[in-house]
Amino acid sequence: MLEVIADATAFDGVVISLKAITYGALLVAAGSILVGLTIDGVPLKERRFLRRLAAALVPVILFALMAQLMLEAVFLAGNDWTAAVDVQLLGLLATGSLGKALGLEGLGAVLLVGGLMRGASGAAVSLAGVALIVGAFAVGGHVSNTPGALDNLLLAIHMLCLAFWVGIFLPLERLSHQPGNAAARVAEDFGDKAPVAVGLLLVAGALTLDQLTGGIVAALQTPYGQLFALKLAAFAGVLWLAALNKRRYTPALVAGHPGARRRLRRSLHVEAVAIGFILVVSATFTTLTGSSG
């Protein structure tokens, strides 16, 4: 694993950074929609904020997706930067698996704007956008070249649960600064729903690793498997923090204990950093191990 990372070029670093930013923006946007629609106790004002946040991230996502396609063209042309504006090469890439995945992500992001519409129609459009985004990871992610639908389904479930988890960070952090018990109610409801999402996320990740490498032991013999295992280890750490939130910080917040809000915010900040690390690891192994997406 260290040899693979050591061999990375400055160009690889740019690609990894761009992918990590794209992953993060997609997950925050999709997660904001999911949390706004599924978590009880989120005030109407905060739900509106989450819908506006998702819509505001759309231009960022579209720019990042186009930049990914252009960097892929540069890579295929032997680091010739003029290839970034080669219409013929870009058109060819757009018809491949990478182009299809980026296109689905872009379309899904645009549909998230539907969350600004009122009523069930807006919710349906934005949820369709979420579905396209998580489905795009299966089309262009690290299982896209493996046979069978199980791997693709596992990755889609993995990304859906991760988006839900990421989506709670900002609203909980914002609510913890506001008077009243909204933060406690949101934290409590998320704590009731999160174990299912976390369990599915970890199981899907472990099964994906097993499917792609022929077993956990075999996986640890390859750079890809080692990076994936590092990602799962980071998830285990975040899971421990989530358990602390549910068993210690959320009950203290509900009971109104002094300092509970501060401790919850600190935990959320650490979780957010850990998720950011996981996204960088994901971007690293899809870039350096020959996996697409």
Protein backbone atom coordinates (compact mmCIF):
# COMPACT_ATOMS: atom_id res chain seq x y z
CA MET A 1 0.00 0.00 0.00
CA LEU A 2 2.78 2.43 0.94
CA GLU A 3 4.59 1.71 -2.33
CA VAL A 4 1.46 2.52 -4.33
CA ILE A 5 1.02 5.80 -2.47
CA ALA A 6 4.71 6.64 -2.78
CA ASP A 7 4.51 6.18 -6.55
CA ALA A 8 1.67 8.69 -6.83
CA THR A 9 2.38 11.77 -8.93
CA ALA A 10 1.31 15.37 -8.44
CA PHE A 11 -1.29 14.76 -11.13
CA ASP A 12 -2.64 11.81 -9.12
CA GLY A 13 -2.87 14.12 -6.13
CA VAL A 14 -4.99 16.58 -8.09
CA VAL A 15 -7.30 13.79 -9.25
CA ILE A 16 -7.60 12.36 -5.73
CA SER A 17 -8.39 15.77 -4.25
CA LEU A 18 -11.02 16.48 -6.90
CA LYS A 19 -12.66 13.09 -6.41
CA ALA A 20 -12.76 13.50 -2.63
CA ILE A 21 -14.36 16.94 -2.98
CA THR A 22 -16.90 15.55 -5.46
CA TYR A 23 -17.75 12.62 -3.19
CA GLY A 24 -18.17 14.96 -0.25
CA ALA A 25 -20.39 17.41 -2.12
CA LEU A 26 -22.57 14.61 -3.49
CA LEU A 27 -22.96 12.99 -0.08
CA VAL A 28 -23.76 16.25 1.70
CA ALA A 29 -26.31 17.23 -0.96
CA ALA A 30 -27.99 13.81 -1.07
CA GLY A 31 -27.79 13.41 2.70
CA SER A 32 -29.39 16.81 3.27
CA ILE A 33 -32.40 15.68 1.24
CA LEU A 34 -32.62 12.35 3.08
CA VAL A 35 -32.35 13.88 6.54
CA GLY A 36 -34.85 16.62 5.74
CA LEU A 37 -37.40 14.03 4.64
CA THR A 38 -36.86 11.27 7.21
CA ILE A 39 -35.77 12.71 10.56
CA ASP A 40 -38.56 13.77 12.89
CA GLY A 41 -38.15 16.94 14.87
CA VAL A 42 -36.18 18.87 12.24
CA PRO A 43 -37.76 22.34 12.32
CA LEU A 44 -39.36 23.64 9.14
CA LYS A 45 -36.78 26.40 8.91
CA GLU A 46 -33.98 23.82 9.05
CA ARG A 47 -35.66 21.62 6.44
CA ARG A 48 -35.76 24.60 4.12
CA PHE A 49 -32.09 25.25 4.82
CA LEU A 50 -31.21 21.65 3.92
CA ARG A 51 -33.12 21.87 0.63
CA ARG A 52 -31.40 25.15 -0.22
CA LEU A 53 -28.02 23.68 0.72
CA ALA A 54 -28.54 20.73 -1.63
CA ALA A 55 -29.52 23.11 -4.44
CA ALA A 56 -26.55 25.40 -3.75
CA LEU A 57 -24.13 22.48 -4.06
CA VAL A 58 -25.39 21.56 -7.55
CA PRO A 59 -23.17 24.04 -9.47
CA VAL A 60 -20.16 22.90 -7.44
CA ILE A 61 -20.93 19.27 -8.23
CA LEU A 62 -21.44 19.89 -11.94
CA PHE A 63 -18.16 21.82 -12.17
CA ALA A 64 -16.29 19.06 -10.30
CA LEU A 65 -17.78 16.33 -12.51
CA MET A 66 -16.79 18.14 -15.69
CA ALA A 67 -13.30 18.70 -14.27
CA GLN A 68 -13.02 14.95 -13.60
CA LEU A 69 -13.86 14.18 -17.21
CA MET A 70 -11.32 16.73 -18.43
CA LEU A 71 -8.59 15.34 -16.17
CA GLU A 72 -9.30 11.84 -17.46
CA ALA A 73 -8.78 13.16 -20.98
CA VAL A 74 -5.47 14.72 -19.92
CA PHE A 75 -4.37 11.42 -18.39
CA LEU A 76 -5.24 9.40 -21.48
CA ALA A 77 -3.35 11.88 -23.64
CA GLY A 78 -0.18 11.38 -21.62
CA ASN A 79 -0.63 14.44 -19.40
CA ASP A 80 -1.21 16.67 -22.41
CA TRP A 81 -3.31 19.48 -20.93
CA THR A 82 -4.65 20.50 -24.32
CA ALA A 83 -6.68 17.28 -24.21
CA ALA A 84 -8.84 18.88 -21.53
CA VAL A 85 -10.62 20.82 -24.27
CA ASP A 86 -10.46 18.14 -26.97
CA VAL A 87 -14.15 17.85 -27.84
CA GLN A 88 -13.72 14.55 -29.70
CA LEU A 89 -11.86 12.88 -26.82
CA LEU A 90 -14.27 14.25 -24.23
CA GLY A 91 -17.19 12.97 -26.28
CA LEU A 92 -15.59 9.53 -26.44
CA LEU A 93 -15.07 9.49 -22.67
CA ALA A 94 -18.65 10.59 -22.11
CA THR A 95 -19.89 7.37 -23.72
CA GLY A 96 -17.74 5.13 -21.50
CA SER A 97 -18.41 3.86 -17.98
CA LEU A 98 -16.81 6.91 -16.38
CA GLY A 99 -18.80 9.31 -18.53
CA LYS A 100 -22.05 7.47 -17.82
CA ALA A 101 -21.39 7.52 -14.07
CA LEU A 102 -20.54 11.22 -14.08
CA GLY A 103 -23.60 11.91 -16.21
CA LEU A 104 -25.87 10.07 -13.77
CA GLU A 105 -24.34 11.94 -10.85
CA GLY A 106 -24.85 15.23 -12.66
CA LEU A 107 -28.46 14.45 -13.52
CA GLY A 108 -29.09 13.28 -9.96
CA ALA A 109 -27.61 16.49 -8.60
CA VAL A 110 -29.83 18.59 -10.85
CA LEU A 111 -32.90 16.67 -9.66
CA LEU A 112 -32.01 17.51 -6.06
CA VAL A 113 -33.10 21.04 -6.88
CA GLY A 114 -36.61 19.56 -6.97
CA GLY A 115 -36.45 19.71 -3.19
CA LEU A 116 -37.17 23.42 -3.51
CA MET A 117 -40.61 22.54 -4.88
CA ARG A 118 -43.39 22.25 -2.35
CA GLY A 119 -45.33 19.10 -1.59
CA ALA A 120 -44.95 15.47 -2.52
CA SER A 121 -43.83 16.22 -6.08
CA GLY A 122 -40.76 18.08 -4.87
CA ALA A 123 -39.89 15.29 -2.46
CA ALA A 124 -40.30 12.67 -5.20
CA VAL A 125 -38.07 14.55 -7.64
CA SER A 126 -35.34 15.10 -5.06
CA LEU A 127 -35.47 11.45 -3.94
CA ALA A 128 -35.11 10.41 -7.59
CA GLY A 129 -31.98 12.54 -7.62
CA VAL A 130 -30.64 10.74 -4.56
CA ALA A 131 -31.36 7.38 -6.22
CA LEU A 132 -29.47 8.40 -9.36
CA ILE A 133 -26.47 9.58 -7.35
CA VAL A 134 -26.11 6.38 -5.33
CA GLY A 135 -26.77 4.31 -8.45
CA ALA A 136 -24.04 6.20 -10.28
CA PHE A 137 -21.47 4.98 -7.78
CA ALA A 138 -22.38 1.41 -8.76
CA VAL A 139 -22.02 2.26 -12.46
CA GLY A 140 -18.68 4.00 -12.18
CA GLY A 141 -17.30 2.90 -8.83
CA HIS A 142 -14.87 0.20 -7.87
CA VAL A 143 -17.35 -2.62 -8.57
CA SER A 144 -18.33 -1.47 -12.05
CA ASN A 145 -16.06 -4.00 -13.73
CA THR A 146 -17.20 -7.00 -11.71
CA PRO A 147 -19.96 -9.37 -12.83
CA GLY A 148 -23.34 -9.64 -11.20
CA ALA A 149 -25.76 -7.21 -9.66
CA LEU A 150 -24.95 -8.03 -6.02
CA ASP A 151 -21.74 -5.97 -5.93
CA ASN A 152 -23.49 -2.99 -7.50
CA LEU A 153 -26.39 -3.27 -5.06
CA LEU A 154 -24.02 -3.48 -2.09
CA LEU A 155 -22.18 -0.34 -3.14
CA ALA A 156 -25.44 1.54 -3.75
CA ILE A 157 -26.66 0.58 -0.24
CA HIS A 158 -23.27 1.56 1.17
CA MET A 159 -23.42 5.02 -0.40
CA LEU A 160 -27.08 5.58 0.51
CA CYS A 161 -26.43 4.86 4.19
CA LEU A 162 -23.27 6.99 4.15
CA ALA A 163 -25.19 9.92 2.63
CA PHE A 164 -27.83 9.61 5.36
CA TRP A 165 -25.12 9.64 8.02
CA VAL A 166 -23.22 12.59 6.51
CA GLY A 167 -26.45 14.52 6.10
CA ILE A 168 -27.09 14.79 9.84
CA PHE A 169 -23.83 16.54 10.77
CA LEU A 170 -24.65 20.09 9.71
CA PRO A 171 -28.27 20.29 10.95
CA LEU A 172 -27.34 18.82 14.33
CA GLU A 173 -24.40 21.20 14.63
CA ARG A 174 -26.61 24.17 13.74
CA LEU A 175 -29.42 23.14 16.07
CA SER A 176 -27.00 22.64 18.97
CA HIS A 177 -26.36 26.40 18.89
CA GLN A 178 -30.06 27.24 19.02
CA PRO A 179 -32.32 27.45 22.10
CA GLY A 180 -35.00 24.86 22.69
CA ASN A 181 -35.00 21.09 22.49
CA ALA A 182 -34.91 20.66 18.70
CA ALA A 183 -31.31 19.39 18.78
CA ALA A 184 -32.23 16.78 21.40
CA ARG A 185 -35.27 15.56 19.44
CA VAL A 186 -33.33 15.34 16.18
CA ALA A 187 -30.38 13.57 17.83
CA GLU A 188 -32.74 11.11 19.52
CA ASP A 189 -34.61 10.26 16.33
CA PHE A 190 -31.40 9.94 14.33
CA GLY A 191 -29.99 7.73 17.07
CA ASP A 192 -33.00 5.43 16.69
CA LYS A 193 -32.60 5.19 12.90
CA ALA A 194 -28.81 5.30 12.61
CA PRO A 195 -28.02 1.74 13.84
CA VAL A 196 -29.85 0.27 10.85
CA ALA A 197 -28.00 2.55 8.43
CA VAL A 198 -24.64 1.97 10.12
CA GLY A 199 -25.14 -1.79 10.19
CA LEU A 200 -26.05 -1.89 6.51
CA LEU A 201 -23.12 0.37 5.68
CA LEU A 202 -20.55 -1.82 7.43
CA VAL A 203 -22.01 -5.11 6.18
CA ALA A 204 -22.19 -3.82 2.63
CA GLY A 205 -18.60 -2.60 2.81
CA ALA A 206 -17.26 -5.87 4.21
CA LEU A 207 -19.19 -7.98 1.69
CA THR A 208 -17.98 -5.76 -1.16
CA LEU A 209 -14.38 -6.26 -0.04
CA ASP A 210 -14.92 -10.01 0.15
CA GLN A 211 -16.58 -10.13 -3.29
CA LEU A 212 -13.85 -8.11 -4.98
CA THR A 213 -10.80 -9.80 -3.47
CA GLY A 214 -11.83 -13.36 -2.66
CA GLY A 215 -11.74 -12.96 1.09
CA ILE A 216 -10.50 -10.64 3.82
CA VAL A 217 -7.16 -12.46 4.21
CA ALA A 218 -6.48 -12.34 0.48
CA ALA A 219 -7.50 -8.69 0.39
CA LEU A 220 -4.82 -7.71 2.88
CA GLN A 221 -2.16 -9.00 0.46
CA THR A 222 -3.05 -6.37 -2.16
CA PRO A 223 -2.72 -2.55 -2.12
CA TYR A 224 -6.39 -2.28 -3.03
CA GLY A 225 -7.47 -4.52 -0.18
CA GLN A 226 -5.20 -2.76 2.29
CA LEU A 227 -6.65 0.63 1.38
CA PHE A 228 -10.18 -0.77 1.59
CA ALA A 229 -9.38 -2.30 4.98
CA LEU A 230 -8.05 1.08 6.12
CA LYS A 231 -11.35 2.60 5.07
CA LEU A 232 -13.28 -0.01 7.07
CA ALA A 233 -11.03 0.61 10.10
CA ALA A 234 -11.86 4.30 9.90
CA PHE A 235 -15.54 3.39 9.72
CA ALA A 236 -15.12 1.33 12.88
CA GLY A 237 -13.74 4.41 14.61
CA VAL A 238 -16.65 6.52 13.44
CA LEU A 239 -19.01 3.77 14.59
CA TRP A 240 -17.48 4.01 18.06
CA LEU A 241 -18.12 7.76 18.07
CA ALA A 242 -21.69 7.17 16.89
CA ALA A 243 -22.19 4.73 19.75
CA LEU A 244 -20.96 7.39 22.18
CA ASN A 245 -23.43 9.85 20.69
CA LYS A 246 -26.32 7.46 21.16
CA ARG A 247 -25.49 6.11 24.60
CA ARG A 248 -23.92 9.14 26.29
CA TYR A 249 -24.20 12.47 24.49
CA THR A 250 -27.78 12.24 23.21
CA PRO A 251 -29.29 11.18 26.58
CA ALA A 252 -27.34 14.02 28.22
CA LEU A 253 -28.67 16.43 25.61
CA VAL A 254 -32.25 15.23 26.14
CA ALA A 255 -31.83 15.64 29.91
CA GLY A 256 -30.45 19.15 29.45
CA HIS A 257 -27.13 18.46 31.17
CA PRO A 258 -24.64 21.35 31.14
CA GLY A 259 -22.00 20.94 28.44
CA ALA A 260 -24.01 18.32 26.52
CA ARG A 261 -24.32 20.53 23.46
CA ARG A 262 -20.60 21.26 23.42
CA ARG A 263 -19.69 17.57 23.72
CA LEU A 264 -22.11 16.66 20.94
CA ARG A 265 -20.61 19.30 18.64
CA ARG A 266 -17.11 18.06 19.38
CA SER A 267 -18.12 14.51 18.53
CA LEU A 268 -19.78 15.65 15.31
CA HIS A 269 -16.65 17.54 14.29
CA VAL A 270 -14.46 14.47 14.86
CA GLU A 271 -16.91 12.28 12.92
CA ALA A 272 -16.91 14.75 10.04
CA VAL A 273 -13.10 14.73 9.90
CA ALA A 274 -13.09 10.93 9.97
CA ILE A 275 -15.62 10.76 7.12
CA GLY A 276 -13.46 13.22 5.19
CA PHE A 277 -10.48 10.90 5.70
CA ILE A 278 -12.56 7.98 4.45
CA LEU A 279 -13.47 9.90 1.30
CA VAL A 280 -9.79 10.66 0.66
CA VAL A 281 -8.96 6.97 1.09
CA SER A 282 -11.77 6.03 -1.31
CA ALA A 283 -10.53 8.55 -3.87
CA THR A 284 -6.99 7.24 -3.41
CA PHE A 285 -7.73 3.59 -4.09
CA THR A 286 -10.00 4.31 -7.06
CA THR A 287 -7.23 6.46 -8.54
CA LEU A 288 -4.10 4.45 -7.72
CA THR A 289 -5.28 0.83 -7.91
CA GLY A 290 -6.77 0.95 -11.39
CA SER A 291 -10.40 1.00 -10.25
CA SER A 292 -12.74 3.30 -12.10
CA GLY A 293 -14.95 6.04 -10.68
